[in-house]
């Protein structure tokens, strides 16, 4: 139920994000979801891609610094209050969300401090997606 997220650290200058997306696209790696944050001198891009190991290798070869981490992806009911329901279930476990982002119409990824505990507590309450299911979206 853990999904591999690839984080890329970028200098905060024009075109760096386009370089990452272009490199992956030219090599046939599809970006299923992403999130960006920035600071004065650098940016952080979190990616869910179809082939994370190959993406990391390609980015390393191109001089980018990367990191793998694990997130939880859940299917959010496509109805008013759907996100609130999922967030409520997570809050009821006592889990603290570090960040979240949408990866497709009804699926979101969470980074939490204790991923194994969160998975155990959520597995019967929300539709957790496997790494393979996320890649096939």
C-alpha atoms as a PDB file:
ATOM      1  CA  UNK A   1       0.000   0.000   0.000  1.00  0.00           C
ATOM      2  CA  UNK A   2       3.018   2.312   0.125  1.00  0.00           C
ATOM      3  CA  UNK A   3       3.645   4.326  -3.001  1.00  0.00           C
ATOM      4  CA  UNK A   4       7.125   5.467  -4.007  1.00  0.00           C
ATOM      5  CA  UNK A   5       7.486   9.220  -4.403  1.00  0.00           C
ATOM      6  CA  UNK A   6      10.503  10.744  -6.117  1.00  0.00           C
ATOM      7  CA  UNK A   7      11.607  14.122  -4.784  1.00  0.00           C
ATOM      8  CA  UNK A   8      13.843  16.337  -6.888  1.00  0.00           C
ATOM      9  CA  UNK A   9      15.736  19.306  -5.477  1.00  0.00           C
ATOM     10  CA  UNK A  10      16.168  22.158  -7.959  1.00  0.00           C
ATOM     11  CA  UNK A  11      17.962  25.449  -8.035  1.00  0.00           C
ATOM     12  CA  UNK A  12      15.305  28.145  -8.041  1.00  0.00           C
ATOM     13  CA  UNK A  13      15.916  29.371 -11.555  1.00  0.00           C
ATOM     14  CA  UNK A  14      13.845  29.494 -14.692  1.00  0.00           C
ATOM     15  CA  UNK A  15      13.610  26.317 -16.733  1.00  0.00           C
ATOM     16  CA  UNK A  16      14.754  23.763 -14.151  1.00  0.00           C
ATOM     17  CA  UNK A  17      11.301  22.230 -13.715  1.00  0.00           C
ATOM     18  CA  UNK A  18      10.879  22.114 -17.491  1.00  0.00           C
ATOM     19  CA  UNK A  19      14.207  20.250 -17.703  1.00  0.00           C
ATOM     20  CA  UNK A  20      12.954  17.586 -15.313  1.00  0.00           C
ATOM     21  CA  UNK A  21       9.617  17.174 -17.096  1.00  0.00           C
ATOM     22  CA  UNK A  22      11.277  17.186 -20.509  1.00  0.00           C
ATOM     23  CA  UNK A  23      13.875  14.597 -19.574  1.00  0.00           C
ATOM     24  CA  UNK A  24      11.271  12.237 -18.169  1.00  0.00           C
ATOM     25  CA  UNK A  25       8.943  12.769 -21.120  1.00  0.00           C
ATOM     26  CA  UNK A  26      11.641  12.114 -23.711  1.00  0.00           C
ATOM     27  CA  UNK A  27      12.454   8.857 -21.949  1.00  0.00           C
ATOM     28  CA  UNK A  28       8.819   7.708 -21.906  1.00  0.00           C
ATOM     29  CA  UNK A  29       8.263   8.168 -18.172  1.00  0.00           C
ATOM     30  CA  UNK A  30       4.819   9.536 -17.413  1.00  0.00           C
ATOM     31  CA  UNK A  31       4.243  11.894 -14.502  1.00  0.00           C
ATOM     32  CA  UNK A  32       1.080  10.781 -12.710  1.00  0.00           C
ATOM     33  CA  UNK A  33       1.145  13.510 -10.111  1.00  0.00           C
ATOM     34  CA  UNK A  34       3.350  16.250  -8.754  1.00  0.00           C
ATOM     35  CA  UNK A  35       3.678  18.911  -6.149  1.00  0.00           C
ATOM     36  CA  UNK A  36       6.067  21.828  -6.022  1.00  0.00           C
ATOM     37  CA  UNK A  37       7.289  24.056  -3.228  1.00  0.00           C
ATOM     38  CA  UNK A  38       9.873  26.738  -3.335  1.00  0.00           C
ATOM     39  CA  UNK A  39      12.192  28.719  -1.159  1.00  0.00           C
ATOM     40  CA  UNK A  40      14.401  31.660  -2.039  1.00  0.00           C
ATOM     41  CA  UNK A  41      17.235  29.601  -3.509  1.00  0.00           C
ATOM     42  CA  UNK A  42      15.787  26.178  -4.264  1.00  0.00           C
ATOM     43  CA  UNK A  43      12.634  24.303  -5.157  1.00  0.00           C
ATOM     44  CA  UNK A  44      11.327  20.889  -4.232  1.00  0.00           C
ATOM     45  CA  UNK A  45       9.357  18.808  -6.716  1.00  0.00           C
ATOM     46  CA  UNK A  46       7.563  15.700  -5.512  1.00  0.00           C
ATOM     47  CA  UNK A  47       6.704  13.300  -8.304  1.00  0.00           C
ATOM     48  CA  UNK A  48       4.668  10.156  -8.749  1.00  0.00           C
ATOM     49  CA  UNK A  49       5.952   8.635 -11.983  1.00  0.00           C
ATOM     50  CA  UNK A  50       5.399   5.400 -13.882  1.00  0.00           C
ATOM     51  CA  UNK A  51       8.981   4.207 -13.355  1.00  0.00           C
ATOM     52  CA  UNK A  52      10.525   5.818 -10.264  1.00  0.00           C
ATOM     53  CA  UNK A  53      13.830   3.913 -10.292  1.00  0.00           C
ATOM     54  CA  UNK A  54      14.540   4.710 -13.930  1.00  0.00           C
ATOM     55  CA  UNK A  55      13.437   8.329 -13.406  1.00  0.00           C
ATOM     56  CA  UNK A  56      15.829   8.698 -10.473  1.00  0.00           C
ATOM     57  CA  UNK A  57      18.692   7.190 -12.481  1.00  0.00           C
ATOM     58  CA  UNK A  58      18.037   9.527 -15.424  1.00  0.00           C
ATOM     59  CA  UNK A  59      17.811  12.575 -13.189  1.00  0.00           C
ATOM     60  CA  UNK A  60      20.988  11.645 -11.311  1.00  0.00           C
ATOM     61  CA  UNK A  61      22.825  11.236 -14.614  1.00  0.00           C
ATOM     62  CA  UNK A  62      21.626  14.735 -15.581  1.00  0.00           C
ATOM     63  CA  UNK A  63      23.010  16.188 -12.342  1.00  0.00           C
ATOM     64  CA  UNK A  64      19.839  16.453 -10.254  1.00  0.00           C
ATOM     65  CA  UNK A  65      19.695  15.589  -6.558  1.00  0.00           C
ATOM     66  CA  UNK A  66      16.824  13.231  -5.734  1.00  0.00           C
ATOM     67  CA  UNK A  67      15.343  11.321  -2.841  1.00  0.00           C
ATOM     68  CA  UNK A  68      12.831   8.460  -2.544  1.00  0.00           C
ATOM     69  CA  UNK A  69      10.127   8.450   0.121  1.00  0.00           C
ATOM     70  CA  UNK A  70       6.890   6.613   0.696  1.00  0.00           C
ATOM     71  CA  UNK A  71       3.402   8.098   0.669  1.00  0.00           C
ATOM     72  CA  UNK A  72      -0.128   6.772   1.013  1.00  0.00           C
ATOM     73  CA  UNK A  73      -2.495   7.195  -1.919  1.00  0.00           C
ATOM     74  CA  UNK A  74      -6.220   6.859  -1.321  1.00  0.00           C
ATOM     75  CA  UNK A  75      -9.267   7.067  -3.540  1.00  0.00           C
ATOM     76  CA  UNK A  76     -11.444  10.009  -2.523  1.00  0.00           C
ATOM     77  CA  UNK A  77     -15.181   9.548  -3.085  1.00  0.00           C
ATOM     78  CA  UNK A  78     -16.304  11.781  -5.965  1.00  0.00           C
ATOM     79  CA  UNK A  79     -19.029  13.509  -4.004  1.00  0.00           C
ATOM     80  CA  UNK A  80     -19.453  16.589  -1.849  1.00  0.00           C
ATOM     81  CA  UNK A  81     -17.636  15.969   1.413  1.00  0.00           C
ATOM     82  CA  UNK A  82     -15.571  13.131  -0.058  1.00  0.00           C
ATOM     83  CA  UNK A  83     -12.246  14.711   0.869  1.00  0.00           C
ATOM     84  CA  UNK A  84     -13.583  15.685   4.284  1.00  0.00           C
ATOM     85  CA  UNK A  85     -14.539  12.055   4.932  1.00  0.00           C
ATOM     86  CA  UNK A  86     -11.061  10.763   4.074  1.00  0.00           C
ATOM     87  CA  UNK A  87      -9.358  13.511   6.078  1.00  0.00           C
ATOM     88  CA  UNK A  88     -11.678  12.796   8.995  1.00  0.00           C
ATOM     89  CA  UNK A  89     -10.730   9.104   8.954  1.00  0.00           C
ATOM     90  CA  UNK A  90      -7.055  10.037   8.945  1.00  0.00           C
ATOM     91  CA  UNK A  91      -7.532  12.601  11.726  1.00  0.00           C
ATOM     92  CA  UNK A  92      -9.338   9.977  13.822  1.00  0.00           C
ATOM     93  CA  UNK A  93      -6.165   7.849  13.748  1.00  0.00           C
ATOM     94  CA  UNK A  94      -4.161  10.700  15.241  1.00  0.00           C
ATOM     95  CA  UNK A  95      -1.963  10.877  12.139  1.00  0.00           C
ATOM     96  CA  UNK A  96      -0.441  14.230  11.256  1.00  0.00           C
ATOM     97  CA  UNK A  97      -0.333  15.145   7.559  1.00  0.00           C
ATOM     98  CA  UNK A  98       2.947  16.678   6.461  1.00  0.00           C
ATOM     99  CA  UNK A  99       1.569  17.569   3.014  1.00  0.00           C
ATOM    100  CA  UNK A 100      -0.865  16.246   0.431  1.00  0.00           C
ATOM    101  CA  UNK A 101      -1.487  16.681  -3.246  1.00  0.00           C
ATOM    102  CA  UNK A 102      -3.757  15.303  -5.912  1.00  0.00           C
ATOM    103  CA  UNK A 103      -2.336  12.803  -8.358  1.00  0.00           C
ATOM    104  CA  UNK A 104      -5.433  12.318 -10.481  1.00  0.00           C
ATOM    105  CA  UNK A 105      -9.100  13.094 -10.376  1.00  0.00           C
ATOM    106  CA  UNK A 106      -9.948  11.063  -7.262  1.00  0.00           C
ATOM    107  CA  UNK A 107      -6.612   9.980  -5.825  1.00  0.00           C
ATOM    108  CA  UNK A 108      -4.342  11.769  -3.386  1.00  0.00           C
ATOM    109  CA  UNK A 109      -1.025  11.013  -1.704  1.00  0.00           C
ATOM    110  CA  UNK A 110      -0.218  11.668   1.933  1.00  0.00           C
ATOM    111  CA  UNK A 111       3.165  11.780   3.571  1.00  0.00           C
ATOM    112  CA  UNK A 112       2.802  10.858   7.220  1.00  0.00           C
ATOM    113  CA  UNK A 113       5.367  10.289   9.937  1.00  0.00           C
ATOM    114  CA  UNK A 114       4.357   6.690  10.754  1.00  0.00           C
ATOM    115  CA  UNK A 115       3.283   5.262   7.395  1.00  0.00           C
ATOM    116  CA  UNK A 116       2.897   1.658   8.580  1.00  0.00           C
ATOM    117  CA  UNK A 117       0.603   2.670  11.429  1.00  0.00           C
ATOM    118  CA  UNK A 118      -1.466   4.915   9.161  1.00  0.00           C
ATOM    119  CA  UNK A 119      -1.876   2.111   6.598  1.00  0.00           C
ATOM    120  CA  UNK A 120      -2.920  -0.351   9.286  1.00  0.00           C
ATOM    121  CA  UNK A 121      -5.469   2.063  10.719  1.00  0.00           C
ATOM    122  CA  UNK A 122      -6.891   3.111   7.335  1.00  0.00           C
ATOM    123  CA  UNK A 123      -6.899  -0.182   5.413  1.00  0.00           C
ATOM    124  CA  UNK A 124     -10.530  -1.036   6.249  1.00  0.00           C
ATOM    125  CA  UNK A 125     -11.829   2.538   6.105  1.00  0.00           C
ATOM    126  CA  UNK A 126     -10.662   3.994   2.793  1.00  0.00           C
ATOM    127  CA  UNK A 127      -9.590   2.606  -0.567  1.00  0.00           C
ATOM    128  CA  UNK A 128      -5.798   2.445  -0.283  1.00  0.00           C
ATOM    129  CA  UNK A 129      -4.002   2.101  -3.595  1.00  0.00           C
ATOM    130  CA  UNK A 130      -0.983  -0.097  -4.228  1.00  0.00           C
ATOM    131  CA  UNK A 131       2.124   1.190  -5.962  1.00  0.00           C
ATOM    132  CA  UNK A 132       1.095  -0.812  -9.056  1.00  0.00           C
ATOM    133  CA  UNK A 133      -2.447   0.617  -9.052  1.00  0.00           C
ATOM    134  CA  UNK A 134      -1.095   4.155  -8.873  1.00  0.00           C
ATOM    135  CA  UNK A 135       1.304   3.539 -11.746  1.00  0.00           C
ATOM    136  CA  UNK A 136      -1.571   2.193 -13.870  1.00  0.00           C
ATOM    137  CA  UNK A 137      -3.859   5.218 -13.371  1.00  0.00           C
END
